[in-house]
């Protein structure tokens, strides 16, 4: 008898219903970007100050007639608990301990409502606050992650494309690490249409110079930075991958458990993302210098959340 596989769908909230916790510059930029793109059907804004969430939702609603169909309103943790994805976008206007306490308090309330949404972190410092969310939520690894270096990676590919006079779609290069000073491109695995970057540079007569490549990366990062608009565009791209179940590979900030022999921290690594969240964190090969750099990053993050990354 022919076997028939039946997919059983759960009643989890749709990812097109998105919540944003934090209505500062970053949170409102994210809300406006999502509203204009139409990637979400419903947007719930929440904030440690409930009045601010209502005010920002009312202000953004004025642009709804010019946007794709999206409903936007202010709410609290109970409304957030009904969302399929919640973006945490608190402003870094306090010390890390205060930010951590705010995140833990909100996640605790969400758990009281039995919510198990995807938690997307856009609160900086990104790798540390992502780890806080992961540990406080108790959710599976793939349900909690940060915005990573999505727009920076795209911009780097575009700059490399101009440098090499080739369409950036043919270029593959990923970023790993943490914050600005901790992130590096993995040049050892970069390629153009499957040809190693160093070999392709020789083919086109450009010459392979790591110093030049690093200069392009720094320029790409400086032009992107951690501005609200860059973060908002990263969130839009990630949500699109979730809603469309793309299973695309993006550089996201994810909790690592054994990757490169590291534990109890979150780092930006290439990750497969689809409707259920991050389905797989990839451990791409590193050369000796790249691996040393990654371990230095882990050492700097050691102990923030009470764990040892070198188990």
C-alpha atoms as a PDB file:
ATOM      1  CA  UNK A   1       0.000   0.000   0.000  1.00  0.00           C
ATOM      2  CA  UNK A   2       1.306   3.418  -0.907  1.00  0.00           C
ATOM      3  CA  UNK A   3       2.376   5.424   2.111  1.00  0.00           C
ATOM      4  CA  UNK A   4       0.738   8.840   2.556  1.00  0.00           C
ATOM      5  CA  UNK A   5       2.507  11.401   4.734  1.00  0.00           C
ATOM      6  CA  UNK A   6       0.205  13.903   6.397  1.00  0.00           C
ATOM      7  CA  UNK A   7       1.582  17.150   7.785  1.00  0.00           C
ATOM      8  CA  UNK A   8      -0.111  18.099  11.028  1.00  0.00           C
ATOM      9  CA  UNK A   9      -0.205  21.873  11.527  1.00  0.00           C
ATOM     10  CA  UNK A  10      -0.271  23.351  14.990  1.00  0.00           C
ATOM     11  CA  UNK A  11      -2.399  26.268  16.131  1.00  0.00           C
ATOM     12  CA  UNK A  12       0.556  28.520  16.853  1.00  0.00           C
ATOM     13  CA  UNK A  13       0.002  32.223  16.058  1.00  0.00           C
ATOM     14  CA  UNK A  14       0.823  33.260  12.513  1.00  0.00           C
ATOM     15  CA  UNK A  15       4.198  34.950  11.932  1.00  0.00           C
ATOM     16  CA  UNK A  16       2.274  37.636  10.028  1.00  0.00           C
ATOM     17  CA  UNK A  17       1.086  38.826  13.439  1.00  0.00           C
ATOM     18  CA  UNK A  18       4.178  40.560  14.799  1.00  0.00           C
ATOM     19  CA  UNK A  19       4.848  42.327  18.082  1.00  0.00           C
ATOM     20  CA  UNK A  20       7.484  44.963  18.750  1.00  0.00           C
ATOM     21  CA  UNK A  21       8.619  45.558  22.326  1.00  0.00           C
ATOM     22  CA  UNK A  22      10.297  48.952  22.583  1.00  0.00           C
ATOM     23  CA  UNK A  23       8.964  52.116  20.923  1.00  0.00           C
ATOM     24  CA  UNK A  24      12.117  54.207  20.745  1.00  0.00           C
ATOM     25  CA  UNK A  25      13.844  55.184  17.505  1.00  0.00           C
ATOM     26  CA  UNK A  26      14.705  51.606  16.598  1.00  0.00           C
ATOM     27  CA  UNK A  27      11.304  50.135  17.450  1.00  0.00           C
ATOM     28  CA  UNK A  28       9.368  52.787  15.527  1.00  0.00           C
ATOM     29  CA  UNK A  29      11.717  52.480  12.528  1.00  0.00           C
ATOM     30  CA  UNK A  30      11.050  48.730  12.525  1.00  0.00           C
ATOM     31  CA  UNK A  31       7.297  49.288  12.804  1.00  0.00           C
ATOM     32  CA  UNK A  32       7.256  51.790   9.922  1.00  0.00           C
ATOM     33  CA  UNK A  33       9.389  49.527   7.708  1.00  0.00           C
ATOM     34  CA  UNK A  34       7.164  46.493   8.335  1.00  0.00           C
ATOM     35  CA  UNK A  35       4.035  48.567   7.843  1.00  0.00           C
ATOM     36  CA  UNK A  36       5.237  49.897   4.469  1.00  0.00           C
ATOM     37  CA  UNK A  37       6.444  46.481   3.255  1.00  0.00           C
ATOM     38  CA  UNK A  38       3.214  44.640   4.065  1.00  0.00           C
ATOM     39  CA  UNK A  39       5.111  41.612   5.360  1.00  0.00           C
ATOM     40  CA  UNK A  40       2.870  41.591   8.467  1.00  0.00           C
ATOM     41  CA  UNK A  41      -0.909  41.717   8.680  1.00  0.00           C
ATOM     42  CA  UNK A  42      -0.975  42.867  12.302  1.00  0.00           C
ATOM     43  CA  UNK A  43       1.555  44.900  14.277  1.00  0.00           C
ATOM     44  CA  UNK A  44       1.337  45.168  18.059  1.00  0.00           C
ATOM     45  CA  UNK A  45       3.486  47.849  19.696  1.00  0.00           C
ATOM     46  CA  UNK A  46       4.409  47.566  23.373  1.00  0.00           C
ATOM     47  CA  UNK A  47       6.813  49.461  25.602  1.00  0.00           C
ATOM     48  CA  UNK A  48       7.884  49.652  29.254  1.00  0.00           C
ATOM     49  CA  UNK A  49       5.814  52.879  29.160  1.00  0.00           C
ATOM     50  CA  UNK A  50       2.348  51.753  27.901  1.00  0.00           C
ATOM     51  CA  UNK A  51       1.340  55.318  26.973  1.00  0.00           C
ATOM     52  CA  UNK A  52       4.284  55.581  24.598  1.00  0.00           C
ATOM     53  CA  UNK A  53       3.187  52.449  22.746  1.00  0.00           C
ATOM     54  CA  UNK A  54      -0.318  53.856  22.269  1.00  0.00           C
ATOM     55  CA  UNK A  55       1.035  57.222  21.097  1.00  0.00           C
ATOM     56  CA  UNK A  56       3.436  55.700  18.550  1.00  0.00           C
ATOM     57  CA  UNK A  57       0.778  53.325  17.227  1.00  0.00           C
ATOM     58  CA  UNK A  58      -1.615  56.252  16.770  1.00  0.00           C
ATOM     59  CA  UNK A  59       1.073  58.311  15.007  1.00  0.00           C
ATOM     60  CA  UNK A  60       2.007  55.485  12.628  1.00  0.00           C
ATOM     61  CA  UNK A  61      -1.650  54.768  11.874  1.00  0.00           C
ATOM     62  CA  UNK A  62      -1.797  58.068  10.014  1.00  0.00           C
ATOM     63  CA  UNK A  63       0.255  56.508   7.202  1.00  0.00           C
ATOM     64  CA  UNK A  64      -1.895  53.379   6.879  1.00  0.00           C
ATOM     65  CA  UNK A  65      -3.936  54.670   3.885  1.00  0.00           C
ATOM     66  CA  UNK A  66      -0.696  54.805   1.886  1.00  0.00           C
ATOM     67  CA  UNK A  67       0.549  51.339   2.901  1.00  0.00           C
ATOM     68  CA  UNK A  68      -0.170  47.719   2.175  1.00  0.00           C
ATOM     69  CA  UNK A  69      -2.936  46.290   4.341  1.00  0.00           C
ATOM     70  CA  UNK A  70      -1.570  46.252   7.891  1.00  0.00           C
ATOM     71  CA  UNK A  71      -3.325  46.886  11.183  1.00  0.00           C
ATOM     72  CA  UNK A  72      -1.243  48.552  13.903  1.00  0.00           C
ATOM     73  CA  UNK A  73      -2.147  49.223  17.518  1.00  0.00           C
ATOM     74  CA  UNK A  74      -0.653  49.602  20.982  1.00  0.00           C
ATOM     75  CA  UNK A  75      -0.848  46.803  23.510  1.00  0.00           C
ATOM     76  CA  UNK A  76       0.802  45.065  26.438  1.00  0.00           C
ATOM     77  CA  UNK A  77       2.342  41.674  27.201  1.00  0.00           C
ATOM     78  CA  UNK A  78      -1.024  39.928  26.864  1.00  0.00           C
ATOM     79  CA  UNK A  79      -1.414  41.178  23.271  1.00  0.00           C
ATOM     80  CA  UNK A  80       2.240  40.354  22.551  1.00  0.00           C
ATOM     81  CA  UNK A  81       1.616  36.787  23.699  1.00  0.00           C
ATOM     82  CA  UNK A  82      -0.787  36.357  20.761  1.00  0.00           C
ATOM     83  CA  UNK A  83       1.926  37.189  18.205  1.00  0.00           C
ATOM     84  CA  UNK A  84       3.852  34.650  16.153  1.00  0.00           C
ATOM     85  CA  UNK A  85       7.021  36.768  16.221  1.00  0.00           C
ATOM     86  CA  UNK A  86       8.091  39.342  18.817  1.00  0.00           C
ATOM     87  CA  UNK A  87      10.894  41.798  18.059  1.00  0.00           C
ATOM     88  CA  UNK A  88      12.719  43.176  21.103  1.00  0.00           C
ATOM     89  CA  UNK A  89      13.995  46.673  20.294  1.00  0.00           C
ATOM     90  CA  UNK A  90      14.778  48.431  23.553  1.00  0.00           C
ATOM     91  CA  UNK A  91      17.014  51.483  23.300  1.00  0.00           C
ATOM     92  CA  UNK A  92      20.492  51.166  24.819  1.00  0.00           C
ATOM     93  CA  UNK A  93      19.785  54.109  27.141  1.00  0.00           C
ATOM     94  CA  UNK A  94      20.639  52.152  30.283  1.00  0.00           C
ATOM     95  CA  UNK A  95      23.406  49.855  31.499  1.00  0.00           C
ATOM     96  CA  UNK A  96      23.407  46.218  30.426  1.00  0.00           C
ATOM     97  CA  UNK A  97      22.114  44.939  33.753  1.00  0.00           C
ATOM     98  CA  UNK A  98      19.069  47.225  33.546  1.00  0.00           C
ATOM     99  CA  UNK A  99      18.355  46.184  29.964  1.00  0.00           C
ATOM    100  CA  UNK A 100      18.727  42.523  30.926  1.00  0.00           C
ATOM    101  CA  UNK A 101      16.283  42.960  33.806  1.00  0.00           C
ATOM    102  CA  UNK A 102      13.713  44.571  31.508  1.00  0.00           C
ATOM    103  CA  UNK A 103      13.995  41.752  28.983  1.00  0.00           C
ATOM    104  CA  UNK A 104      13.741  39.043  31.654  1.00  0.00           C
ATOM    105  CA  UNK A 105      10.683  40.695  33.218  1.00  0.00           C
ATOM    106  CA  UNK A 106       8.861  40.884  29.874  1.00  0.00           C
ATOM    107  CA  UNK A 107       9.733  37.306  28.893  1.00  0.00           C
ATOM    108  CA  UNK A 108       8.539  36.068  32.286  1.00  0.00           C
ATOM    109  CA  UNK A 109       5.154  37.728  31.699  1.00  0.00           C
ATOM    110  CA  UNK A 110       4.944  36.186  28.229  1.00  0.00           C
ATOM    111  CA  UNK A 111       5.595  32.749  29.704  1.00  0.00           C
ATOM    112  CA  UNK A 112       2.772  33.300  32.199  1.00  0.00           C
ATOM    113  CA  UNK A 113       0.431  33.651  29.217  1.00  0.00           C
ATOM    114  CA  UNK A 114       1.775  30.390  27.763  1.00  0.00           C
ATOM    115  CA  UNK A 115       3.279  32.127  24.740  1.00  0.00           C
ATOM    116  CA  UNK A 116       5.912  30.373  22.615  1.00  0.00           C
ATOM    117  CA  UNK A 117       6.575  32.858  19.801  1.00  0.00           C
ATOM    118  CA  UNK A 118       9.756  33.383  17.847  1.00  0.00           C
ATOM    119  CA  UNK A 119      11.828  35.972  19.721  1.00  0.00           C
ATOM    120  CA  UNK A 120      13.884  38.213  17.439  1.00  0.00           C
ATOM    121  CA  UNK A 121      16.325  40.438  19.299  1.00  0.00           C
ATOM    122  CA  UNK A 122      17.246  43.917  18.064  1.00  0.00           C
ATOM    123  CA  UNK A 123      18.419  45.246  21.447  1.00  0.00           C
ATOM    124  CA  UNK A 124      22.120  46.065  21.714  1.00  0.00           C
ATOM    125  CA  UNK A 125      24.663  44.823  22.671  1.00  0.00           C
ATOM    126  CA  UNK A 126      23.189  42.218  20.383  1.00  0.00           C
ATOM    127  CA  UNK A 127      25.020  39.034  21.343  1.00  0.00           C
ATOM    128  CA  UNK A 128      24.633  39.586  25.081  1.00  0.00           C
ATOM    129  CA  UNK A 129      20.951  40.553  25.029  1.00  0.00           C
ATOM    130  CA  UNK A 130      20.183  37.630  22.698  1.00  0.00           C
ATOM    131  CA  UNK A 131      21.726  35.258  25.223  1.00  0.00           C
ATOM    132  CA  UNK A 132      19.654  36.851  27.984  1.00  0.00           C
ATOM    133  CA  UNK A 133      16.460  36.273  25.987  1.00  0.00           C
ATOM    134  CA  UNK A 134      17.457  32.693  25.239  1.00  0.00           C
ATOM    135  CA  UNK A 135      18.110  31.807  28.861  1.00  0.00           C
ATOM    136  CA  UNK A 136      15.062  33.670  30.212  1.00  0.00           C
ATOM    137  CA  UNK A 137      12.595  32.253  27.691  1.00  0.00           C
ATOM    138  CA  UNK A 138      13.382  28.558  28.000  1.00  0.00           C
ATOM    139  CA  UNK A 139      12.511  28.177  24.315  1.00  0.00           C
ATOM    140  CA  UNK A 140      14.330  25.922  21.884  1.00  0.00           C
ATOM    141  CA  UNK A 141      17.465  27.411  20.326  1.00  0.00           C
ATOM    142  CA  UNK A 142      15.855  28.036  16.957  1.00  0.00           C
ATOM    143  CA  UNK A 143      13.096  30.175  18.474  1.00  0.00           C
ATOM    144  CA  UNK A 144      15.412  32.855  19.887  1.00  0.00           C
ATOM    145  CA  UNK A 145      17.980  34.764  17.813  1.00  0.00           C
ATOM    146  CA  UNK A 146      19.190  38.250  16.957  1.00  0.00           C
ATOM    147  CA  UNK A 147      19.257  40.341  13.780  1.00  0.00           C
ATOM    148  CA  UNK A 148      22.953  39.575  13.248  1.00  0.00           C
ATOM    149  CA  UNK A 149      24.746  41.189  10.304  1.00  0.00           C
ATOM    150  CA  UNK A 150      22.169  40.766   7.532  1.00  0.00           C
ATOM    151  CA  UNK A 151      22.403  44.202   5.886  1.00  0.00           C
ATOM    152  CA  UNK A 152      26.160  44.458   6.485  1.00  0.00           C
ATOM    153  CA  UNK A 153      26.684  41.166   4.656  1.00  0.00           C
ATOM    154  CA  UNK A 154      24.587  42.319   1.686  1.00  0.00           C
ATOM    155  CA  UNK A 155      26.440  45.630   1.523  1.00  0.00           C
ATOM    156  CA  UNK A 156      29.815  43.863   1.671  1.00  0.00           C
ATOM    157  CA  UNK A 157      28.857  41.639  -1.256  1.00  0.00           C
ATOM    158  CA  UNK A 158      27.792  44.682  -3.262  1.00  0.00           C
ATOM    159  CA  UNK A 159      31.090  46.440  -2.562  1.00  0.00           C
ATOM    160  CA  UNK A 160      33.042  43.316  -3.500  1.00  0.00           C
ATOM    161  CA  UNK A 161      30.990  43.115  -6.688  1.00  0.00           C
ATOM    162  CA  UNK A 162      32.003  46.658  -7.636  1.00  0.00           C
ATOM    163  CA  UNK A 163      35.637  45.940  -6.773  1.00  0.00           C
ATOM    164  CA  UNK A 164      35.683  42.784  -8.901  1.00  0.00           C
ATOM    165  CA  UNK A 165      33.333  44.059 -11.644  1.00  0.00           C
ATOM    166  CA  UNK A 166      30.926  41.148 -11.162  1.00  0.00           C
ATOM    167  CA  UNK A 167      27.291  40.907 -10.078  1.00  0.00           C
ATOM    168  CA  UNK A 168      27.126  40.610  -6.287  1.00  0.00           C
ATOM    169  CA  UNK A 169      24.635  37.722  -6.590  1.00  0.00           C
ATOM    170  CA  UNK A 170      27.574  35.507  -7.613  1.00  0.00           C
ATOM    171  CA  UNK A 171      29.542  36.346  -4.453  1.00  0.00           C
ATOM    172  CA  UNK A 172      29.340  34.300  -1.256  1.00  0.00           C
ATOM    173  CA  UNK A 173      30.936  35.678   1.904  1.00  0.00           C
ATOM    174  CA  UNK A 174      29.735  35.469   5.506  1.00  0.00           C
ATOM    175  CA  UNK A 175      30.432  37.409   8.684  1.00  0.00           C
ATOM    176  CA  UNK A 176      30.957  35.793  12.084  1.00  0.00           C
ATOM    177  CA  UNK A 177      31.542  37.166  15.548  1.00  0.00           C
ATOM    178  CA  UNK A 178      29.726  39.685  17.686  1.00  0.00           C
ATOM    179  CA  UNK A 179      29.625  43.466  17.807  1.00  0.00           C
ATOM    180  CA  UNK A 180      31.411  45.927  15.513  1.00  0.00           C
ATOM    181  CA  UNK A 181      34.930  45.321  16.764  1.00  0.00           C
ATOM    182  CA  UNK A 182      34.343  41.573  17.043  1.00  0.00           C
ATOM    183  CA  UNK A 183      32.912  40.730  13.605  1.00  0.00           C
ATOM    184  CA  UNK A 184      35.093  39.533  10.739  1.00  0.00           C
ATOM    185  CA  UNK A 185      34.436  38.250   7.213  1.00  0.00           C
ATOM    186  CA  UNK A 186      35.439  34.645   6.593  1.00  0.00           C
ATOM    187  CA  UNK A 187      37.741  35.332   3.655  1.00  0.00           C
ATOM    188  CA  UNK A 188      39.090  31.774   3.671  1.00  0.00           C
ATOM    189  CA  UNK A 189      35.685  30.490   2.469  1.00  0.00           C
ATOM    190  CA  UNK A 190      34.629  33.472   0.316  1.00  0.00           C
ATOM    191  CA  UNK A 191      34.034  32.618  -3.323  1.00  0.00           C
ATOM    192  CA  UNK A 192      32.702  33.935  -6.622  1.00  0.00           C
ATOM    193  CA  UNK A 193      30.517  31.389  -8.431  1.00  0.00           C
ATOM    194  CA  UNK A 194      32.312  28.589  -6.583  1.00  0.00           C
ATOM    195  CA  UNK A 195      35.787  29.947  -7.371  1.00  0.00           C
ATOM    196  CA  UNK A 196      37.804  30.939  -4.287  1.00  0.00           C
ATOM    197  CA  UNK A 197      38.061  34.697  -3.848  1.00  0.00           C
ATOM    198  CA  UNK A 198      41.862  34.665  -4.059  1.00  0.00           C
ATOM    199  CA  UNK A 199      41.757  32.673  -7.321  1.00  0.00           C
ATOM    200  CA  UNK A 200      39.061  34.892  -8.827  1.00  0.00           C
ATOM    201  CA  UNK A 201      41.066  38.016  -7.985  1.00  0.00           C
ATOM    202  CA  UNK A 202      43.978  36.506  -9.896  1.00  0.00           C
ATOM    203  CA  UNK A 203      41.715  35.720 -12.863  1.00  0.00           C
ATOM    204  CA  UNK A 204      40.410  39.272 -13.144  1.00  0.00           C
ATOM    205  CA  UNK A 205      43.832  40.813 -12.521  1.00  0.00           C
ATOM    206  CA  UNK A 206      42.872  42.543  -9.277  1.00  0.00           C
ATOM    207  CA  UNK A 207      45.332  40.793  -6.993  1.00  0.00           C
ATOM    208  CA  UNK A 208      44.222  39.289  -3.709  1.00  0.00           C
ATOM    209  CA  UNK A 209      45.061  41.593  -0.794  1.00  0.00           C
ATOM    210  CA  UNK A 210      43.434  40.833   2.562  1.00  0.00           C
ATOM    211  CA  UNK A 211      44.132  44.407   3.675  1.00  0.00           C
ATOM    212  CA  UNK A 212      42.101  45.759   0.755  1.00  0.00           C
ATOM    213  CA  UNK A 213      39.312  43.299   1.455  1.00  0.00           C
ATOM    214  CA  UNK A 214      39.228  44.240   5.129  1.00  0.00           C
ATOM    215  CA  UNK A 215      39.059  47.889   4.091  1.00  0.00           C
ATOM    216  CA  UNK A 216      35.977  47.144   1.996  1.00  0.00           C
ATOM    217  CA  UNK A 217      34.430  45.365   4.969  1.00  0.00           C
ATOM    218  CA  UNK A 218      35.067  48.280   7.341  1.00  0.00           C
ATOM    219  CA  UNK A 219      33.576  50.702   4.815  1.00  0.00           C
ATOM    220  CA  UNK A 220      30.529  48.463   4.428  1.00  0.00           C
ATOM    221  CA  UNK A 221      30.084  48.338   8.211  1.00  0.00           C
ATOM    222  CA  UNK A 222      30.524  52.095   8.654  1.00  0.00           C
ATOM    223  CA  UNK A 223      27.904  52.755   5.975  1.00  0.00           C
ATOM    224  CA  UNK A 224      25.467  50.389   7.670  1.00  0.00           C
ATOM    225  CA  UNK A 225      26.338  50.622  11.340  1.00  0.00           C
ATOM    226  CA  UNK A 226      23.703  50.114  14.020  1.00  0.00           C
ATOM    227  CA  UNK A 227      21.324  52.831  12.797  1.00  0.00           C
ATOM    228  CA  UNK A 228      17.578  52.272  13.341  1.00  0.00           C
ATOM    229  CA  UNK A 229      17.039  52.041   9.577  1.00  0.00           C
ATOM    230  CA  UNK A 230      19.689  49.358   9.089  1.00  0.00           C
ATOM    231  CA  UNK A 231      18.250  47.320  11.949  1.00  0.00           C
ATOM    232  CA  UNK A 232      14.717  47.799  10.587  1.00  0.00           C
ATOM    233  CA  UNK A 233      15.699  46.541   7.146  1.00  0.00           C
ATOM    234  CA  UNK A 234      17.381  43.509   8.721  1.00  0.00           C
ATOM    235  CA  UNK A 235      14.189  42.724  10.647  1.00  0.00           C
ATOM    236  CA  UNK A 236      12.108  43.052   7.458  1.00  0.00           C
ATOM    237  CA  UNK A 237      14.371  40.605   5.597  1.00  0.00           C
ATOM    238  CA  UNK A 238      14.318  38.089   8.454  1.00  0.00           C
ATOM    239  CA  UNK A 239      10.534  38.244   8.823  1.00  0.00           C
ATOM    240  CA  UNK A 240      10.144  37.751   5.085  1.00  0.00           C
ATOM    241  CA  UNK A 241      12.233  34.574   5.352  1.00  0.00           C
ATOM    242  CA  UNK A 242       9.996  33.349   8.192  1.00  0.00           C
ATOM    243  CA  UNK A 243       6.663  34.207   6.569  1.00  0.00           C
ATOM    244  CA  UNK A 244       7.677  32.678   3.217  1.00  0.00           C
ATOM    245  CA  UNK A 245       9.396  29.686   4.829  1.00  0.00           C
ATOM    246  CA  UNK A 246      12.415  30.398   2.619  1.00  0.00           C
ATOM    247  CA  UNK A 247      14.999  28.254   4.443  1.00  0.00           C
ATOM    248  CA  UNK A 248      17.512  30.870   3.364  1.00  0.00           C
ATOM    249  CA  UNK A 249      20.970  31.240   4.954  1.00  0.00           C
ATOM    250  CA  UNK A 250      21.448  34.546   6.790  1.00  0.00           C
ATOM    251  CA  UNK A 251      24.121  35.714   9.279  1.00  0.00           C
ATOM    252  CA  UNK A 252      22.116  35.763  12.530  1.00  0.00           C
ATOM    253  CA  UNK A 253      23.056  36.086  16.183  1.00  0.00           C
ATOM    254  CA  UNK A 254      22.246  32.670  17.652  1.00  0.00           C
ATOM    255  CA  UNK A 255      22.923  30.827  20.913  1.00  0.00           C
ATOM    256  CA  UNK A 256      25.715  28.352  20.262  1.00  0.00           C
ATOM    257  CA  UNK A 257      25.866  24.944  21.929  1.00  0.00           C
ATOM    258  CA  UNK A 258      28.961  23.141  20.743  1.00  0.00           C
ATOM    259  CA  UNK A 259      29.663  25.101  17.559  1.00  0.00           C
ATOM    260  CA  UNK A 260      33.440  25.534  17.298  1.00  0.00           C
ATOM    261  CA  UNK A 261      33.601  23.984  20.768  1.00  0.00           C
ATOM    262  CA  UNK A 262      31.772  26.948  22.343  1.00  0.00           C
ATOM    263  CA  UNK A 263      28.811  27.037  24.731  1.00  0.00           C
ATOM    264  CA  UNK A 264      26.627  29.448  26.743  1.00  0.00           C
ATOM    265  CA  UNK A 265      27.068  32.464  24.443  1.00  0.00           C
ATOM    266  CA  UNK A 266      25.425  33.928  21.352  1.00  0.00           C
ATOM    267  CA  UNK A 267      27.394  34.747  18.207  1.00  0.00           C
ATOM    268  CA  UNK A 268      26.688  35.855  14.655  1.00  0.00           C
ATOM    269  CA  UNK A 269      26.910  32.740  12.473  1.00  0.00           C
ATOM    270  CA  UNK A 270      25.405  31.631   9.133  1.00  0.00           C
ATOM    271  CA  UNK A 271      21.992  30.150   9.912  1.00  0.00           C
ATOM    272  CA  UNK A 272      19.196  28.457   7.973  1.00  0.00           C
ATOM    273  CA  UNK A 273      15.939  30.274   8.730  1.00  0.00           C
ATOM    274  CA  UNK A 274      12.360  29.388   7.803  1.00  0.00           C
ATOM    275  CA  UNK A 275       8.850  29.453   9.209  1.00  0.00           C
ATOM    276  CA  UNK A 276       9.760  27.698  12.471  1.00  0.00           C
ATOM    277  CA  UNK A 277      12.735  29.996  13.116  1.00  0.00           C
ATOM    278  CA  UNK A 278      16.397  29.038  12.866  1.00  0.00           C
ATOM    279  CA  UNK A 279      16.502  25.430  11.730  1.00  0.00           C
ATOM    280  CA  UNK A 280      20.257  25.009  11.672  1.00  0.00           C
ATOM    281  CA  UNK A 281      23.324  27.016  12.683  1.00  0.00           C
ATOM    282  CA  UNK A 282      26.170  26.314  10.279  1.00  0.00           C
ATOM    283  CA  UNK A 283      29.735  25.698  11.357  1.00  0.00           C
ATOM    284  CA  UNK A 284      31.679  26.742   8.276  1.00  0.00           C
ATOM    285  CA  UNK A 285      35.400  25.894   8.224  1.00  0.00           C
ATOM    286  CA  UNK A 286      37.734  28.599   9.564  1.00  0.00           C
ATOM    287  CA  UNK A 287      41.451  29.069   9.086  1.00  0.00           C
ATOM    288  CA  UNK A 288      43.692  29.333  12.162  1.00  0.00           C
ATOM    289  CA  UNK A 289      43.549  33.148  12.372  1.00  0.00           C
ATOM    290  CA  UNK A 290      39.755  33.201  12.050  1.00  0.00           C
ATOM    291  CA  UNK A 291      39.333  30.539  14.712  1.00  0.00           C
ATOM    292  CA  UNK A 292      41.640  32.401  17.099  1.00  0.00           C
ATOM    293  CA  UNK A 293      39.595  35.542  16.573  1.00  0.00           C
ATOM    294  CA  UNK A 294      36.349  33.723  17.330  1.00  0.00           C
ATOM    295  CA  UNK A 295      37.732  32.320  20.565  1.00  0.00           C
ATOM    296  CA  UNK A 296      38.879  35.804  21.618  1.00  0.00           C
ATOM    297  CA  UNK A 297      35.328  37.025  21.084  1.00  0.00           C
ATOM    298  CA  UNK A 298      34.039  34.157  23.237  1.00  0.00           C
ATOM    299  CA  UNK A 299      36.536  35.057  25.958  1.00  0.00           C
ATOM    300  CA  UNK A 300      35.260  38.649  26.030  1.00  0.00           C
ATOM    301  CA  UNK A 301      31.682  37.413  26.383  1.00  0.00           C
ATOM    302  CA  UNK A 302      32.603  34.875  29.073  1.00  0.00           C
ATOM    303  CA  UNK A 303      30.645  35.121  32.277  1.00  0.00           C
ATOM    304  CA  UNK A 304      28.064  37.740  31.224  1.00  0.00           C
ATOM    305  CA  UNK A 305      25.215  35.249  31.610  1.00  0.00           C
ATOM    306  CA  UNK A 306      26.955  33.093  34.165  1.00  0.00           C
ATOM    307  CA  UNK A 307      28.170  30.404  31.784  1.00  0.00           C
ATOM    308  CA  UNK A 308      31.570  29.263  30.575  1.00  0.00           C
ATOM    309  CA  UNK A 309      31.898  29.187  26.769  1.00  0.00           C
ATOM    310  CA  UNK A 310      34.842  26.737  26.954  1.00  0.00           C
ATOM    311  CA  UNK A 311      33.296  23.602  28.424  1.00  0.00           C
END
